[in-house]
C-alpha atoms as a PDB file:
ATOM      1  CA  UNK A   1      15.330 -39.192 -59.498  1.00  0.00           C
ATOM      2  CA  UNK A   2      11.884 -38.914 -58.263  1.00  0.00           C
ATOM      3  CA  UNK A   3      12.862 -39.746 -54.542  1.00  0.00           C
ATOM      4  CA  UNK A   4      15.723 -37.074 -54.890  1.00  0.00           C
ATOM      5  CA  UNK A   5      13.008 -34.552 -56.241  1.00  0.00           C
ATOM      6  CA  UNK A   6      10.715 -35.341 -53.156  1.00  0.00           C
ATOM      7  CA  UNK A   7      13.430 -34.895 -50.781  1.00  0.00           C
ATOM      8  CA  UNK A   8      14.531 -31.688 -52.235  1.00  0.00           C
ATOM      9  CA  UNK A   9      10.830 -30.206 -52.096  1.00  0.00           C
ATOM     10  CA  UNK A  10      10.842 -31.154 -48.382  1.00  0.00           C
ATOM     11  CA  UNK A  11      14.102 -29.554 -47.511  1.00  0.00           C
ATOM     12  CA  UNK A  12      12.731 -26.402 -49.291  1.00  0.00           C
ATOM     13  CA  UNK A  13       9.385 -26.228 -47.432  1.00  0.00           C
ATOM     14  CA  UNK A  14      11.170 -26.830 -44.124  1.00  0.00           C
ATOM     15  CA  UNK A  15      13.763 -23.981 -45.043  1.00  0.00           C
ATOM     16  CA  UNK A  16      10.902 -21.632 -45.997  1.00  0.00           C
ATOM     17  CA  UNK A  17       8.940 -22.642 -42.793  1.00  0.00           C
ATOM     18  CA  UNK A  18      12.114 -22.120 -40.686  1.00  0.00           C
ATOM     19  CA  UNK A  19      12.537 -18.380 -42.240  1.00  0.00           C
ATOM     20  CA  UNK A  20       9.084 -17.627 -41.701  1.00  0.00           C
ATOM     21  CA  UNK A  21       8.836 -18.715 -38.078  1.00  0.00           C
ATOM     22  CA  UNK A  22      11.222 -16.004 -36.848  1.00  0.00           C
ATOM     23  CA  UNK A  23       9.165 -13.472 -38.744  1.00  0.00           C
ATOM     24  CA  UNK A  24       6.076 -14.348 -37.064  1.00  0.00           C
ATOM     25  CA  UNK A  25       7.641 -14.304 -33.777  1.00  0.00           C
ATOM     26  CA  UNK A  26       8.923 -10.704 -34.596  1.00  0.00           C
ATOM     27  CA  UNK A  27       5.438  -9.605 -35.762  1.00  0.00           C
ATOM     28  CA  UNK A  28       3.887 -11.136 -32.392  1.00  0.00           C
ATOM     29  CA  UNK A  29       6.316  -9.315 -30.224  1.00  0.00           C
ATOM     30  CA  UNK A  30       5.864  -6.206 -32.159  1.00  0.00           C
ATOM     31  CA  UNK A  31       2.046  -6.355 -31.847  1.00  0.00           C
ATOM     32  CA  UNK A  32       2.648  -7.087 -28.268  1.00  0.00           C
ATOM     33  CA  UNK A  33       4.724  -3.953 -27.765  1.00  0.00           C
ATOM     34  CA  UNK A  34       2.077  -1.849 -29.453  1.00  0.00           C
ATOM     35  CA  UNK A  35      -0.575  -3.005 -27.356  1.00  0.00           C
ATOM     36  CA  UNK A  36       1.500  -2.379 -24.292  1.00  0.00           C
ATOM     37  CA  UNK A  37       2.304   1.083 -25.584  1.00  0.00           C
ATOM     38  CA  UNK A  38      -1.509   1.867 -25.947  1.00  0.00           C
ATOM     39  CA  UNK A  39      -2.251   0.638 -22.744  1.00  0.00           C
ATOM     40  CA  UNK A  40       0.587   2.672 -21.170  1.00  0.00           C
ATOM     41  CA  UNK A  41      -0.632   5.809 -23.047  1.00  0.00           C
ATOM     42  CA  UNK A  42      -4.262   5.396 -21.682  1.00  0.00           C
ATOM     43  CA  UNK A  43      -2.711   4.857 -18.235  1.00  0.00           C
ATOM     44  CA  UNK A  44      -0.611   7.902 -18.586  1.00  0.00           C
ATOM     45  CA  UNK A  45      -3.455   9.939 -19.950  1.00  0.00           C
ATOM     46  CA  UNK A  46      -5.748   8.826 -16.840  1.00  0.00           C
ATOM     47  CA  UNK A  47      -2.706   9.588 -14.362  1.00  0.00           C
ATOM     48  CA  UNK A  48      -2.205  13.008 -15.881  1.00  0.00           C
ATOM     49  CA  UNK A  49      -5.912  13.906 -15.407  1.00  0.00           C
ATOM     50  CA  UNK A  50      -6.042  13.085 -11.591  1.00  0.00           C
ATOM     51  CA  UNK A  51      -2.389  14.263 -10.983  1.00  0.00           C
ATOM     52  CA  UNK A  52      -3.586  17.782 -12.097  1.00  0.00           C
ATOM     53  CA  UNK A  53      -5.157  17.626  -8.647  1.00  0.00           C
ATOM     54  CA  UNK A  54      -2.421  17.557  -5.866  1.00  0.00           C
ATOM     55  CA  UNK A  55      -4.263  15.681  -3.129  1.00  0.00           C
ATOM     56  CA  UNK A  56      -1.007  15.420  -1.163  1.00  0.00           C
ATOM     57  CA  UNK A  57      -0.507  19.189  -0.976  1.00  0.00           C
ATOM     58  CA  UNK A  58      -2.284  19.805   2.356  1.00  0.00           C
ATOM     59  CA  UNK A  59      -2.389  17.615   5.516  1.00  0.00           C
ATOM     60  CA  UNK A  60      -0.634  14.631   4.207  1.00  0.00           C
ATOM     61  CA  UNK A  61       0.172  12.746   7.571  1.00  0.00           C
ATOM     62  CA  UNK A  62       0.589   9.145   7.648  1.00  0.00           C
ATOM     63  CA  UNK A  63       0.773   8.795  11.456  1.00  0.00           C
ATOM     64  CA  UNK A  64      -2.696  10.078  12.576  1.00  0.00           C
ATOM     65  CA  UNK A  65      -6.430   9.213  11.604  1.00  0.00           C
ATOM     66  CA  UNK A  66      -7.302  12.713  11.285  1.00  0.00           C
ATOM     67  CA  UNK A  67      -4.908  15.369  10.144  1.00  0.00           C
ATOM     68  CA  UNK A  68      -7.793  17.915   9.673  1.00  0.00           C
ATOM     69  CA  UNK A  69      -8.453  18.788  13.405  1.00  0.00           C
ATOM     70  CA  UNK A  70      -7.850  22.376  13.037  1.00  0.00           C
ATOM     71  CA  UNK A  71      -9.834  22.921   9.701  1.00  0.00           C
ATOM     72  CA  UNK A  72     -13.129  24.529   9.708  1.00  0.00           C
ATOM     73  CA  UNK A  73     -15.718  22.947   7.282  1.00  0.00           C
ATOM     74  CA  UNK A  74     -18.582  25.085   5.858  1.00  0.00           C
ATOM     75  CA  UNK A  75     -21.933  23.541   5.336  1.00  0.00           C
ATOM     76  CA  UNK A  76     -23.572  22.977   3.016  1.00  0.00           C
ATOM     77  CA  UNK A  77     -20.781  20.892   1.226  1.00  0.00           C
ATOM     78  CA  UNK A  78     -20.838  20.101  -2.413  1.00  0.00           C
ATOM     79  CA  UNK A  79     -19.396  16.745  -3.561  1.00  0.00           C
ATOM     80  CA  UNK A  80     -18.708  15.880  -7.132  1.00  0.00           C
ATOM     81  CA  UNK A  81     -18.231  12.431  -8.676  1.00  0.00           C
ATOM     82  CA  UNK A  82     -16.995  11.624 -12.186  1.00  0.00           C
ATOM     83  CA  UNK A  83     -18.515   8.102 -12.063  1.00  0.00           C
ATOM     84  CA  UNK A  84     -22.105   7.140 -11.687  1.00  0.00           C
ATOM     85  CA  UNK A  85     -20.876   3.813  -9.903  1.00  0.00           C
ATOM     86  CA  UNK A  86     -18.238   2.737  -7.226  1.00  0.00           C
ATOM     87  CA  UNK A  87     -16.217  -0.414  -6.915  1.00  0.00           C
ATOM     88  CA  UNK A  88     -17.608  -2.689  -4.309  1.00  0.00           C
ATOM     89  CA  UNK A  89     -15.201  -2.950  -1.455  1.00  0.00           C
ATOM     90  CA  UNK A  90     -15.928  -6.436  -1.236  1.00  0.00           C
ATOM     91  CA  UNK A  91     -16.381  -9.196  -3.678  1.00  0.00           C
ATOM     92  CA  UNK A  92     -19.466 -11.021  -2.031  1.00  0.00           C
ATOM     93  CA  UNK A  93     -23.075  -9.426  -1.469  1.00  0.00           C
ATOM     94  CA  UNK A  94     -22.812  -6.459   0.740  1.00  0.00           C
ATOM     95  CA  UNK A  95     -24.870  -7.129   3.963  1.00  0.00           C
ATOM     96  CA  UNK A  96     -24.809  -4.054   6.264  1.00  0.00           C
ATOM     97  CA  UNK A  97     -24.955  -5.199   9.902  1.00  0.00           C
ATOM     98  CA  UNK A  98     -24.572  -1.797  11.599  1.00  0.00           C
ATOM     99  CA  UNK A  99     -25.590   1.724  10.086  1.00  0.00           C
ATOM    100  CA  UNK A 100     -24.133   5.151  10.714  1.00  0.00           C
ATOM    101  CA  UNK A 101     -25.787   6.586  13.706  1.00  0.00           C
ATOM    102  CA  UNK A 102     -26.098   6.483  17.693  1.00  0.00           C
ATOM    103  CA  UNK A 103     -25.316   2.933  18.851  1.00  0.00           C
ATOM    104  CA  UNK A 104     -24.931   1.718  22.347  1.00  0.00           C
ATOM    105  CA  UNK A 105     -24.739   5.406  23.440  1.00  0.00           C
ATOM    106  CA  UNK A 106     -21.888   6.251  21.216  1.00  0.00           C
ATOM    107  CA  UNK A 107     -21.337   7.639  17.831  1.00  0.00           C
ATOM    108  CA  UNK A 108     -20.817   4.950  15.103  1.00  0.00           C
ATOM    109  CA  UNK A 109     -19.465   7.056  12.159  1.00  0.00           C
ATOM    110  CA  UNK A 110     -19.333   4.455   9.576  1.00  0.00           C
ATOM    111  CA  UNK A 111     -21.113   1.163   8.605  1.00  0.00           C
ATOM    112  CA  UNK A 112     -20.274  -2.404   9.064  1.00  0.00           C
ATOM    113  CA  UNK A 113     -20.230  -4.609   6.174  1.00  0.00           C
ATOM    114  CA  UNK A 114     -20.364  -8.469   6.954  1.00  0.00           C
ATOM    115  CA  UNK A 115     -17.443 -10.573   5.572  1.00  0.00           C
ATOM    116  CA  UNK A 116     -15.182 -13.530   6.346  1.00  0.00           C
ATOM    117  CA  UNK A 117     -11.497 -13.047   7.796  1.00  0.00           C
ATOM    118  CA  UNK A 118      -9.338 -13.206   4.725  1.00  0.00           C
ATOM    119  CA  UNK A 119     -11.800 -11.766   2.251  1.00  0.00           C
ATOM    120  CA  UNK A 120     -10.299  -9.361  -0.128  1.00  0.00           C
ATOM    121  CA  UNK A 121     -10.958  -5.739  -0.020  1.00  0.00           C
ATOM    122  CA  UNK A 122     -10.903  -3.166  -2.994  1.00  0.00           C
ATOM    123  CA  UNK A 123     -10.541   0.546  -3.341  1.00  0.00           C
ATOM    124  CA  UNK A 124     -13.896   2.350  -4.125  1.00  0.00           C
ATOM    125  CA  UNK A 125     -12.471   4.913  -6.327  1.00  0.00           C
ATOM    126  CA  UNK A 126      -8.959   6.020  -7.491  1.00  0.00           C
ATOM    127  CA  UNK A 127      -6.672   7.854  -5.121  1.00  0.00           C
ATOM    128  CA  UNK A 128      -3.561   7.567  -2.990  1.00  0.00           C
ATOM    129  CA  UNK A 129      -2.998   5.645   0.143  1.00  0.00           C
ATOM    130  CA  UNK A 130      -2.529   8.158   2.912  1.00  0.00           C
ATOM    131  CA  UNK A 131      -2.548   5.719   5.732  1.00  0.00           C
ATOM    132  CA  UNK A 132      -1.690   1.980   5.931  1.00  0.00           C
ATOM    133  CA  UNK A 133      -0.992   1.053   9.577  1.00  0.00           C
ATOM    134  CA  UNK A 134      -2.727   0.198  12.832  1.00  0.00           C
ATOM    135  CA  UNK A 135      -5.128   2.696  14.365  1.00  0.00           C
ATOM    136  CA  UNK A 136      -6.485   2.657  17.711  1.00  0.00           C
ATOM    137  CA  UNK A 137      -9.786   1.016  17.822  1.00  0.00           C
ATOM    138  CA  UNK A 138      -9.938   0.616  14.016  1.00  0.00           C
ATOM    139  CA  UNK A 139      -7.114  -1.863  14.104  1.00  0.00           C
ATOM    140  CA  UNK A 140      -5.215  -2.486  11.046  1.00  0.00           C
ATOM    141  CA  UNK A 141      -6.491   0.460   8.673  1.00  0.00           C
ATOM    142  CA  UNK A 142      -6.220   1.640   5.169  1.00  0.00           C
ATOM    143  CA  UNK A 143      -7.120   5.270   4.284  1.00  0.00           C
ATOM    144  CA  UNK A 144      -7.438   6.411   0.703  1.00  0.00           C
ATOM    145  CA  UNK A 145      -7.596  10.033  -0.281  1.00  0.00           C
ATOM    146  CA  UNK A 146      -9.526  10.725  -3.378  1.00  0.00           C
ATOM    147  CA  UNK A 147      -9.578  13.449  -5.896  1.00  0.00           C
ATOM    148  CA  UNK A 148     -12.793  14.814  -4.929  1.00  0.00           C
ATOM    149  CA  UNK A 149     -11.749  15.462  -1.333  1.00  0.00           C
ATOM    150  CA  UNK A 150     -13.345  12.355   0.242  1.00  0.00           C
ATOM    151  CA  UNK A 151     -11.327   9.907   2.231  1.00  0.00           C
ATOM    152  CA  UNK A 152     -12.354   6.096   2.440  1.00  0.00           C
ATOM    153  CA  UNK A 153     -11.466   4.380   5.384  1.00  0.00           C
ATOM    154  CA  UNK A 154     -11.214   0.563   5.840  1.00  0.00           C
ATOM    155  CA  UNK A 155     -10.801  -0.928   9.296  1.00  0.00           C
ATOM    156  CA  UNK A 156     -10.201  -3.963  11.075  1.00  0.00           C
ATOM    157  CA  UNK A 157      -8.151  -5.653   8.367  1.00  0.00           C
ATOM    158  CA  UNK A 158      -6.226  -8.747   8.947  1.00  0.00           C
ATOM    159  CA  UNK A 159      -3.665  -7.952   6.270  1.00  0.00           C
ATOM    160  CA  UNK A 160      -2.229  -4.885   4.131  1.00  0.00           C
ATOM    161  CA  UNK A 161      -2.235  -5.224   0.552  1.00  0.00           C
ATOM    162  CA  UNK A 162      -0.897  -1.489  -0.109  1.00  0.00           C
ATOM    163  CA  UNK A 163       1.751   0.722   1.327  1.00  0.00           C
ATOM    164  CA  UNK A 164       1.412   4.554   2.263  1.00  0.00           C
ATOM    165  CA  UNK A 165       1.901   6.841  -0.803  1.00  0.00           C
ATOM    166  CA  UNK A 166       0.856   4.127  -3.105  1.00  0.00           C
ATOM    167  CA  UNK A 167      -1.460   5.279  -6.103  1.00  0.00           C
ATOM    168  CA  UNK A 168      -4.371   2.945  -6.422  1.00  0.00           C
ATOM    169  CA  UNK A 169      -7.224   2.643  -8.937  1.00  0.00           C
ATOM    170  CA  UNK A 170     -10.838   1.819  -8.595  1.00  0.00           C
ATOM    171  CA  UNK A 171     -11.151  -1.710  -7.899  1.00  0.00           C
ATOM    172  CA  UNK A 172      -7.809  -2.256  -6.902  1.00  0.00           C
ATOM    173  CA  UNK A 173      -6.797  -4.747  -4.046  1.00  0.00           C
ATOM    174  CA  UNK A 174      -5.987  -3.235  -0.801  1.00  0.00           C
ATOM    175  CA  UNK A 175      -5.781  -5.766   1.686  1.00  0.00           C
ATOM    176  CA  UNK A 176      -7.937  -8.620   3.563  1.00  0.00           C
ATOM    177  CA  UNK A 177     -10.653  -7.955   5.871  1.00  0.00           C
ATOM    178  CA  UNK A 178     -10.669  -9.576   9.487  1.00  0.00           C
ATOM    179  CA  UNK A 179     -11.323  -8.510  13.031  1.00  0.00           C
ATOM    180  CA  UNK A 180      -8.316  -6.498  14.215  1.00  0.00           C
ATOM    181  CA  UNK A 181      -8.849  -3.700  16.583  1.00  0.00           C
ATOM    182  CA  UNK A 182     -12.005  -3.084  18.656  1.00  0.00           C
ATOM    183  CA  UNK A 183     -14.236  -5.456  16.551  1.00  0.00           C
ATOM    184  CA  UNK A 184     -17.065  -7.700  17.528  1.00  0.00           C
ATOM    185  CA  UNK A 185     -16.768 -10.308  14.861  1.00  0.00           C
ATOM    186  CA  UNK A 186     -15.083  -9.991  11.451  1.00  0.00           C
ATOM    187  CA  UNK A 187     -16.606  -7.202   9.314  1.00  0.00           C
ATOM    188  CA  UNK A 188     -15.398  -4.290   7.314  1.00  0.00           C
ATOM    189  CA  UNK A 189     -15.877  -1.008   9.097  1.00  0.00           C
ATOM    190  CA  UNK A 190     -16.215   1.532   6.217  1.00  0.00           C
ATOM    191  CA  UNK A 191     -15.890   5.310   7.010  1.00  0.00           C
ATOM    192  CA  UNK A 192     -16.321   8.102   4.533  1.00  0.00           C
ATOM    193  CA  UNK A 193     -14.669  11.400   5.597  1.00  0.00           C
ATOM    194  CA  UNK A 194     -14.202  14.845   4.081  1.00  0.00           C
ATOM    195  CA  UNK A 195     -11.567  16.803   5.824  1.00  0.00           C
ATOM    196  CA  UNK A 196     -11.791  14.625   9.117  1.00  0.00           C
ATOM    197  CA  UNK A 197     -15.921  14.870   9.282  1.00  0.00           C
ATOM    198  CA  UNK A 198     -17.622  11.517   8.769  1.00  0.00           C
ATOM    199  CA  UNK A 199     -20.524  11.517   6.511  1.00  0.00           C
ATOM    200  CA  UNK A 200     -23.362   8.875   6.515  1.00  0.00           C
ATOM    201  CA  UNK A 201     -22.171   6.537   3.626  1.00  0.00           C
ATOM    202  CA  UNK A 202     -25.790   5.577   2.942  1.00  0.00           C
ATOM    203  CA  UNK A 203     -26.389   9.441   1.847  1.00  0.00           C
ATOM    204  CA  UNK A 204     -23.729   9.068  -0.840  1.00  0.00           C
ATOM    205  CA  UNK A 205     -23.909   5.437  -1.920  1.00  0.00           C
ATOM    206  CA  UNK A 206     -26.332   2.524  -2.380  1.00  0.00           C
ATOM    207  CA  UNK A 207     -25.120  -0.461  -0.868  1.00  0.00           C
ATOM    208  CA  UNK A 208     -26.702  -3.051  -3.070  1.00  0.00           C
ATOM    209  CA  UNK A 209     -25.801  -4.953  -6.146  1.00  0.00           C
ATOM    210  CA  UNK A 210     -25.949  -1.807  -8.111  1.00  0.00           C
ATOM    211  CA  UNK A 211     -22.994  -0.088  -6.488  1.00  0.00           C
ATOM    212  CA  UNK A 212     -24.501   3.255  -7.381  1.00  0.00           C
ATOM    213  CA  UNK A 213     -23.485   6.642  -6.461  1.00  0.00           C
ATOM    214  CA  UNK A 214     -26.763   8.415  -5.795  1.00  0.00           C
ATOM    215  CA  UNK A 215     -25.833  11.517  -7.971  1.00  0.00           C
ATOM    216  CA  UNK A 216     -22.761  13.074  -9.718  1.00  0.00           C
ATOM    217  CA  UNK A 217     -23.473  16.315  -7.715  1.00  0.00           C
ATOM    218  CA  UNK A 218     -24.569  16.133  -4.025  1.00  0.00           C
ATOM    219  CA  UNK A 219     -24.833  18.577  -1.308  1.00  0.00           C
ATOM    220  CA  UNK A 220     -24.099  17.439   2.116  1.00  0.00           C
ATOM    221  CA  UNK A 221     -25.650  19.285   5.206  1.00  0.00           C
ATOM    222  CA  UNK A 222     -24.835  18.739   8.787  1.00  0.00           C
ATOM    223  CA  UNK A 223     -27.790  16.401   9.222  1.00  0.00           C
ATOM    224  CA  UNK A 224     -25.551  13.826   7.512  1.00  0.00           C
ATOM    225  CA  UNK A 225     -22.578  14.377   9.564  1.00  0.00           C
ATOM    226  CA  UNK A 226     -24.304  14.103  12.862  1.00  0.00           C
ATOM    227  CA  UNK A 227     -24.361  10.451  14.289  1.00  0.00           C
ATOM    228  CA  UNK A 228     -26.766  11.201  17.055  1.00  0.00           C
ATOM    229  CA  UNK A 229     -29.459  12.255  14.375  1.00  0.00           C
ATOM    230  CA  UNK A 230     -29.487   8.655  13.035  1.00  0.00           C
ATOM    231  CA  UNK A 231     -29.979   5.002  14.318  1.00  0.00           C
ATOM    232  CA  UNK A 232     -27.639   2.748  13.614  1.00  0.00           C
ATOM    233  CA  UNK A 233     -30.250  -0.035  13.630  1.00  0.00           C
ATOM    234  CA  UNK A 234     -32.030   1.107  10.618  1.00  0.00           C
ATOM    235  CA  UNK A 235     -31.230   3.243   7.482  1.00  0.00           C
ATOM    236  CA  UNK A 236     -32.529   6.797   7.709  1.00  0.00           C
ATOM    237  CA  UNK A 237     -34.969   8.280   5.165  1.00  0.00           C
ATOM    238  CA  UNK A 238     -32.703   9.751   2.369  1.00  0.00           C
ATOM    239  CA  UNK A 239     -33.386  12.411  -0.091  1.00  0.00           C
ATOM    240  CA  UNK A 240     -30.392  13.489  -1.817  1.00  0.00           C
ATOM    241  CA  UNK A 241     -29.963  17.368  -2.141  1.00  0.00           C
ATOM    242  CA  UNK A 242     -28.919  17.889  -5.636  1.00  0.00           C
ATOM    243  CA  UNK A 243     -28.355  21.746  -5.778  1.00  0.00           C
ATOM    244  CA  UNK A 244     -27.387  24.307  -3.333  1.00  0.00           C
ATOM    245  CA  UNK A 245     -30.908  25.718  -3.301  1.00  0.00           C
ATOM    246  CA  UNK A 246     -32.240  22.234  -2.174  1.00  0.00           C
ATOM    247  CA  UNK A 247     -29.561  22.351   0.647  1.00  0.00           C
ATOM    248  CA  UNK A 248     -30.314  25.685   1.757  1.00  0.00           C
ATOM    249  CA  UNK A 249     -34.090  24.866   1.795  1.00  0.00           C
ATOM    250  CA  UNK A 250     -33.573  21.576   3.516  1.00  0.00           C
ATOM    251  CA  UNK A 251     -32.052  23.590   6.436  1.00  0.00           C
ATOM    252  CA  UNK A 252     -35.356  25.279   7.184  1.00  0.00           C
ATOM    253  CA  UNK A 253     -36.637  21.704   7.867  1.00  0.00           C
ATOM    254  CA  UNK A 254     -33.928  20.378   9.981  1.00  0.00           C
ATOM    255  CA  UNK A 255     -35.966  21.232  13.384  1.00  0.00           C
ATOM    256  CA  UNK A 256     -39.493  21.009  14.105  1.00  0.00           C
ATOM    257  CA  UNK A 257     -41.526  21.258  17.380  1.00  0.00           C
ATOM    258  CA  UNK A 258     -43.335  18.347  18.710  1.00  0.00           C
ATOM    259  CA  UNK A 259     -46.126  18.442  21.262  1.00  0.00           C
ATOM    260  CA  UNK A 260     -45.876  15.684  23.626  1.00  0.00           C
ATOM    261  CA  UNK A 261     -49.283  13.751  23.883  1.00  0.00           C
ATOM    262  CA  UNK A 262     -50.824  11.741  26.580  1.00  0.00           C
ATOM    263  CA  UNK A 263     -49.227   8.315  26.658  1.00  0.00           C
ATOM    264  CA  UNK A 264     -46.167   9.469  24.875  1.00  0.00           C
ATOM    265  CA  UNK A 265     -42.698   8.138  25.777  1.00  0.00           C
ATOM    266  CA  UNK A 266     -39.432   9.012  24.365  1.00  0.00           C
ATOM    267  CA  UNK A 267     -39.175   5.617  22.877  1.00  0.00           C
ATOM    268  CA  UNK A 268     -42.516   6.247  21.123  1.00  0.00           C
ATOM    269  CA  UNK A 269     -41.451   9.671  19.913  1.00  0.00           C
ATOM    270  CA  UNK A 270     -38.459   8.399  18.680  1.00  0.00           C
ATOM    271  CA  UNK A 271     -40.070   5.754  16.387  1.00  0.00           C
ATOM    272  CA  UNK A 272     -42.689   8.246  15.247  1.00  0.00           C
ATOM    273  CA  UNK A 273     -40.179  10.792  14.112  1.00  0.00           C
ATOM    274  CA  UNK A 274     -37.379   8.343  12.989  1.00  0.00           C
ATOM    275  CA  UNK A 275     -34.783   9.732  15.230  1.00  0.00           C
ATOM    276  CA  UNK A 276     -32.876   8.278  18.138  1.00  0.00           C
ATOM    277  CA  UNK A 277     -33.542   8.925  21.798  1.00  0.00           C
ATOM    278  CA  UNK A 278     -30.001  10.301  22.256  1.00  0.00           C
ATOM    279  CA  UNK A 279     -30.839  12.820  19.581  1.00  0.00           C
ATOM    280  CA  UNK A 280     -33.890  14.068  21.138  1.00  0.00           C
ATOM    281  CA  UNK A 281     -32.218  14.263  24.751  1.00  0.00           C
ATOM    282  CA  UNK A 282     -29.141  16.001  23.398  1.00  0.00           C
ATOM    283  CA  UNK A 283     -31.323  18.638  21.294  1.00  0.00           C
ATOM    284  CA  UNK A 284     -33.488  19.159  24.557  1.00  0.00           C
ATOM    285  CA  UNK A 285     -30.715  18.915  27.148  1.00  0.00           C
ATOM    286  CA  UNK A 286     -32.738  16.127  28.934  1.00  0.00           C
ATOM    287  CA  UNK A 287     -31.739  12.720  29.672  1.00  0.00           C
ATOM    288  CA  UNK A 288     -33.328   9.336  28.608  1.00  0.00           C
ATOM    289  CA  UNK A 289     -34.774   8.928  32.514  1.00  0.00           C
ATOM    290  CA  UNK A 290     -36.496  12.422  32.072  1.00  0.00           C
ATOM    291  CA  UNK A 291     -40.322  12.726  32.627  1.00  0.00           C
ATOM    292  CA  UNK A 292     -42.302  14.203  29.751  1.00  0.00           C
ATOM    293  CA  UNK A 293     -45.553  15.575  30.230  1.00  0.00           C
ATOM    294  CA  UNK A 294     -48.366  16.065  27.784  1.00  0.00           C
ATOM    295  CA  UNK A 295     -48.238  19.515  26.197  1.00  0.00           C
ATOM    296  CA  UNK A 296     -44.445  19.712  26.644  1.00  0.00           C
ATOM    297  CA  UNK A 297     -42.774  20.935  23.464  1.00  0.00           C
ATOM    298  CA  UNK A 298     -39.526  19.115  22.211  1.00  0.00           C
ATOM    299  CA  UNK A 299     -37.266  20.276  19.255  1.00  0.00           C
ATOM    300  CA  UNK A 300     -36.953  17.423  16.864  1.00  0.00           C
ATOM    301  CA  UNK A 301     -34.169  17.561  14.293  1.00  0.00           C
ATOM    302  CA  UNK A 302     -34.600  15.669  11.186  1.00  0.00           C
END
């Protein structure tokens, strides 16, 4: 009798467990669906916020690098950022090997960040892929248009990770770095454009471990869109312009007169004024081989 009673209890417990187990599964599934629904709601809310700005309305062309050739941009230009940081375009420490500026007699309109071929690349901000194809010189290129009017350009890729018209979020994988196009060694050539005009990336962002945007509101003057004013071998002195008044005041300081001293050379004047020889020559309509004399006045653009 005792053995029968023990067997009966065992069967009852097993039955209760068997009945409860499906309920637990249903609850788990329900919880998962709720979490999934909440995540979807957040994503929709975020998407609705950015979708209120139709960044595809004008000059949405996949086939050309710069579809804004006929547009006129008025300076100073105001840029706004919702975040205080950007997502690093690479997962390793950012080492800038060549800066925005004059390089080997040509304009270098972005910065080069060292990487190993095959390293993953990531979107710096939310946006939509305008271009994901081969571009002359840049090789395999991804161009993302963002909701504040900027476009970020990721060049010399070895592999695409996104397609044109894809929406991407800050930090999303977009491809792999490489050496395609006109590249000397593997690196990421990063360009920041506004309506086709390249802005010195280091004026907008700090390329260190902080991934900082220099300010939520920045004003850009033509000083930061002219490569010949900068030297690709060193970072220019950066003083962010935080208001329209600051920007207008800075315009008065763009040019100054330098009086050539005894023993001066274009190279020495260039170093003293943190400006490239090419910029001095272009502003003063002289060549790098021109003879300069003591007392001669040169216009220097800062």
